[in-house]
Amino acid sequence: MLAVLRIVEDTMVDGPGMRTAIYAAGCTHRCPGCHNPQSWDIRAGREMTTDEILRPILTDPFADVTFTGGDPMMQPEGFTELARAIKERSAKTIWCYTGYTYEALLVMPAQWELLHYIDVLVDGPFIQSLRDEQLRFRGSSNQRLIDVKLSLEKGAVVLWE
């Protein structure tokens, strides 16, 4: 079960192309200036099964997937199950937004497992003083777009281009 605020279909702001965005409930980062503070409380979300979440994802043959929130990395087991199911049943890419850094996730066992199903990780907390509206797919200049597969292979951060 996952606590989900909402599922937004056919969005173009949470990664390249058309995407289905899964908004996780729950975030303890509580970044000042967060664009989605209603997502902080995990109780604000609706409990959903993997199959319920998969329906709109698999119904749209053109949209890729984005995990956002809240922070999906705060529900790593549920998002790992969902990501595994997406990868087993489709060729969709998965982007994931998190307030954690990539380096921090590498030493968190459950989150490390989820990383193996993520194509691009947008990492780091939103920092209001570093806000930059010109950046693609992120809010502040400290946040990185990381090619997870290449980063895991090389043992160092490789940025997505």
Protein backbone atom coordinates (compact mmCIF):
# COMPACT_ATOMS: atom_id res chain seq x y z
CA MET A 1 0.00 0.00 0.00
CA LEU A 2 1.12 3.52 -0.79
CA ALA A 3 -0.18 6.82 0.57
CA VAL A 4 -0.90 8.84 -2.57
CA LEU A 5 -2.12 12.43 -2.75
CA ARG A 6 -3.11 12.24 -6.39
CA ILE A 7 -2.26 10.85 -9.80
CA VAL A 8 -1.88 13.42 -12.57
CA GLU A 9 -2.11 12.12 -16.11
CA ASP A 10 -0.59 13.76 -19.19
CA THR A 11 1.59 16.24 -17.32
CA MET A 12 4.59 17.82 -19.05
CA VAL A 13 6.29 19.50 -16.10
CA ASP A 14 7.65 16.53 -14.14
CA GLY A 15 10.15 15.30 -16.73
CA PRO A 16 10.40 15.20 -20.52
CA GLY A 17 7.41 14.38 -22.70
CA MET A 18 4.01 13.26 -21.51
CA ARG A 19 4.07 11.68 -18.05
CA THR A 20 1.82 10.16 -15.43
CA ALA A 21 2.87 11.68 -12.11
CA ILE A 22 2.29 9.83 -8.85
CA TYR A 23 2.24 12.32 -5.96
CA ALA A 24 3.30 10.57 -2.77
CA ALA A 25 2.02 11.75 0.59
CA GLY A 26 4.56 12.31 3.33
CA CYS A 27 7.70 14.41 3.50
CA THR A 28 9.78 15.27 6.55
CA HIS A 29 12.14 17.62 4.65
CA ARG A 30 9.61 20.47 4.94
CA CYS A 31 11.60 22.74 2.64
CA PRO A 32 10.77 26.44 3.10
CA GLY A 33 9.05 27.62 -0.08
CA CYS A 34 7.93 24.10 -1.05
CA HIS A 35 5.39 24.24 -3.89
CA ASN A 36 3.44 21.33 -2.39
CA PRO A 37 3.34 21.67 1.44
CA GLN A 38 0.00 19.83 1.60
CA SER A 39 2.05 16.73 0.74
CA TRP A 40 4.05 16.80 3.98
CA ASP A 41 1.47 14.88 6.03
CA ILE A 42 1.34 11.22 5.03
CA ARG A 43 -2.21 11.08 6.44
CA ALA A 44 -3.29 13.50 3.69
CA GLY A 45 -2.85 10.68 1.18
CA ARG A 46 -5.22 7.94 0.15
CA GLU A 47 -4.05 4.36 0.66
CA MET A 48 -3.74 2.74 -2.78
CA THR A 49 -2.57 -0.65 -3.96
CA THR A 50 0.02 -1.17 -6.66
CA ASP A 51 -2.69 -2.46 -9.00
CA GLU A 52 -4.83 0.66 -8.49
CA ILE A 53 -1.90 2.92 -9.31
CA LEU A 54 -0.83 0.79 -12.28
CA ARG A 55 -4.17 1.14 -14.10
CA PRO A 56 -3.75 4.73 -15.34
CA ILE A 57 -0.03 4.17 -15.93
CA LEU A 58 -0.47 1.13 -18.17
CA THR A 59 -3.61 2.44 -19.87
CA ASP A 60 -1.65 5.30 -21.46
CA PRO A 61 0.80 3.82 -23.98
CA PHE A 62 2.56 7.16 -24.55
CA ALA A 63 3.15 8.60 -21.07
CA ASP A 64 6.23 7.82 -19.01
CA VAL A 65 6.11 7.94 -15.19
CA THR A 66 7.24 10.34 -12.48
CA PHE A 67 7.28 9.69 -8.74
CA THR A 68 7.03 12.98 -6.86
CA GLY A 69 5.32 14.27 -3.80
CA GLY A 70 5.90 14.57 -0.91
CA ASP A 71 8.92 12.35 -1.09
CA PRO A 72 8.54 8.89 -2.65
CA MET A 73 11.77 7.80 -0.95
CA MET A 74 9.90 7.94 2.36
CA GLN A 75 7.78 4.99 1.16
CA PRO A 76 10.59 2.99 -0.48
CA GLU A 77 9.12 -0.51 -0.24
CA GLY A 78 5.82 0.46 -1.84
CA PHE A 79 7.46 2.51 -4.58
CA THR A 80 9.93 -0.31 -5.27
CA GLU A 81 7.02 -2.70 -5.77
CA LEU A 82 5.30 -0.20 -8.07
CA ALA A 83 8.47 0.57 -10.05
CA ARG A 84 9.25 -3.14 -10.47
CA ALA A 85 5.72 -3.74 -11.80
CA ILE A 86 6.03 -0.82 -14.23
CA LYS A 87 9.36 -2.10 -15.56
CA GLU A 88 8.08 -5.69 -15.87
CA ARG A 89 5.00 -4.62 -17.83
CA SER A 90 6.24 -1.71 -19.96
CA ALA A 91 9.21 0.13 -21.44
CA LYS A 92 8.31 3.35 -19.60
CA THR A 93 11.00 5.49 -18.03
CA ILE A 94 10.65 6.45 -14.37
CA TRP A 95 11.78 9.76 -12.94
CA CYS A 96 11.81 10.28 -9.17
CA TYR A 97 11.97 13.51 -7.17
CA THR A 98 13.43 13.37 -3.67
CA GLY A 99 14.72 15.76 -1.03
CA TYR A 100 17.52 13.33 -0.25
CA THR A 101 20.81 13.48 -2.09
CA TYR A 102 21.83 10.57 -4.27
CA GLU A 103 24.80 9.92 -1.98
CA ALA A 104 22.52 9.65 1.08
CA LEU A 105 20.24 7.18 -0.72
CA LEU A 106 23.18 4.89 -1.53
CA VAL A 107 23.58 4.04 2.17
CA MET A 108 19.86 3.54 2.87
CA PRO A 109 19.09 -0.12 2.00
CA ALA A 110 15.42 0.18 1.04
CA GLN A 111 15.97 3.37 -0.95
CA TRP A 112 19.05 1.87 -2.62
CA GLU A 113 16.86 -0.97 -3.89
CA LEU A 114 14.35 1.51 -5.35
CA LEU A 115 17.16 3.36 -7.15
CA HIS A 116 17.67 0.30 -9.37
CA TYR A 117 14.28 0.92 -11.00
CA ILE A 118 14.67 4.68 -11.42
CA ASP A 119 15.98 6.11 -14.69
CA VAL A 120 16.45 9.72 -13.59
CA LEU A 121 16.63 10.99 -10.02
CA VAL A 122 16.03 14.66 -9.24
CA ASP A 123 17.82 14.89 -5.91
CA GLY A 124 18.27 17.33 -3.07
CA PRO A 125 16.01 19.57 -1.06
CA PHE A 126 14.44 22.68 -2.56
CA ILE A 127 16.44 25.65 -1.30
CA GLN A 128 14.52 28.88 -1.67
CA SER A 129 17.65 31.09 -1.89
CA LEU A 130 18.81 28.95 -4.86
CA ARG A 131 15.46 29.05 -6.66
CA ASP A 132 15.86 29.42 -10.41
CA GLU A 133 12.81 29.43 -12.69
CA GLN A 134 15.05 28.91 -15.74
CA LEU A 135 16.07 25.39 -14.67
CA ARG A 136 14.44 22.48 -16.44
CA PHE A 137 12.47 20.06 -14.24
CA ARG A 138 13.73 21.36 -10.88
CA GLY A 139 13.26 24.33 -8.60
CA SER A 140 16.66 25.20 -7.16
CA SER A 141 20.20 25.05 -8.53
CA ASN A 142 21.44 22.55 -5.93
CA GLN A 143 19.13 19.89 -7.33
CA ARG A 144 20.60 17.52 -9.90
CA LEU A 145 19.15 15.44 -12.73
CA ILE A 146 21.01 12.16 -12.26
CA ASP A 147 21.18 9.29 -14.72
CA VAL A 148 20.80 6.55 -12.12
CA LYS A 149 21.71 3.54 -14.26
CA LEU A 150 24.99 5.09 -15.43
CA SER A 151 25.76 6.43 -11.97
CA LEU A 152 25.34 2.99 -10.41
CA GLU A 153 27.49 1.41 -13.14
CA LYS A 154 30.30 3.97 -12.86
CA GLY A 155 30.20 4.37 -9.08
CA ALA A 156 29.98 8.16 -9.47
CA VAL A 157 27.24 10.67 -10.25
CA VAL A 158 26.50 11.00 -13.96
CA LEU A 159 24.17 13.84 -14.82
CA TRP A 160 21.26 13.31 -17.22
CA GLU A 161 21.43 15.36 -20.39
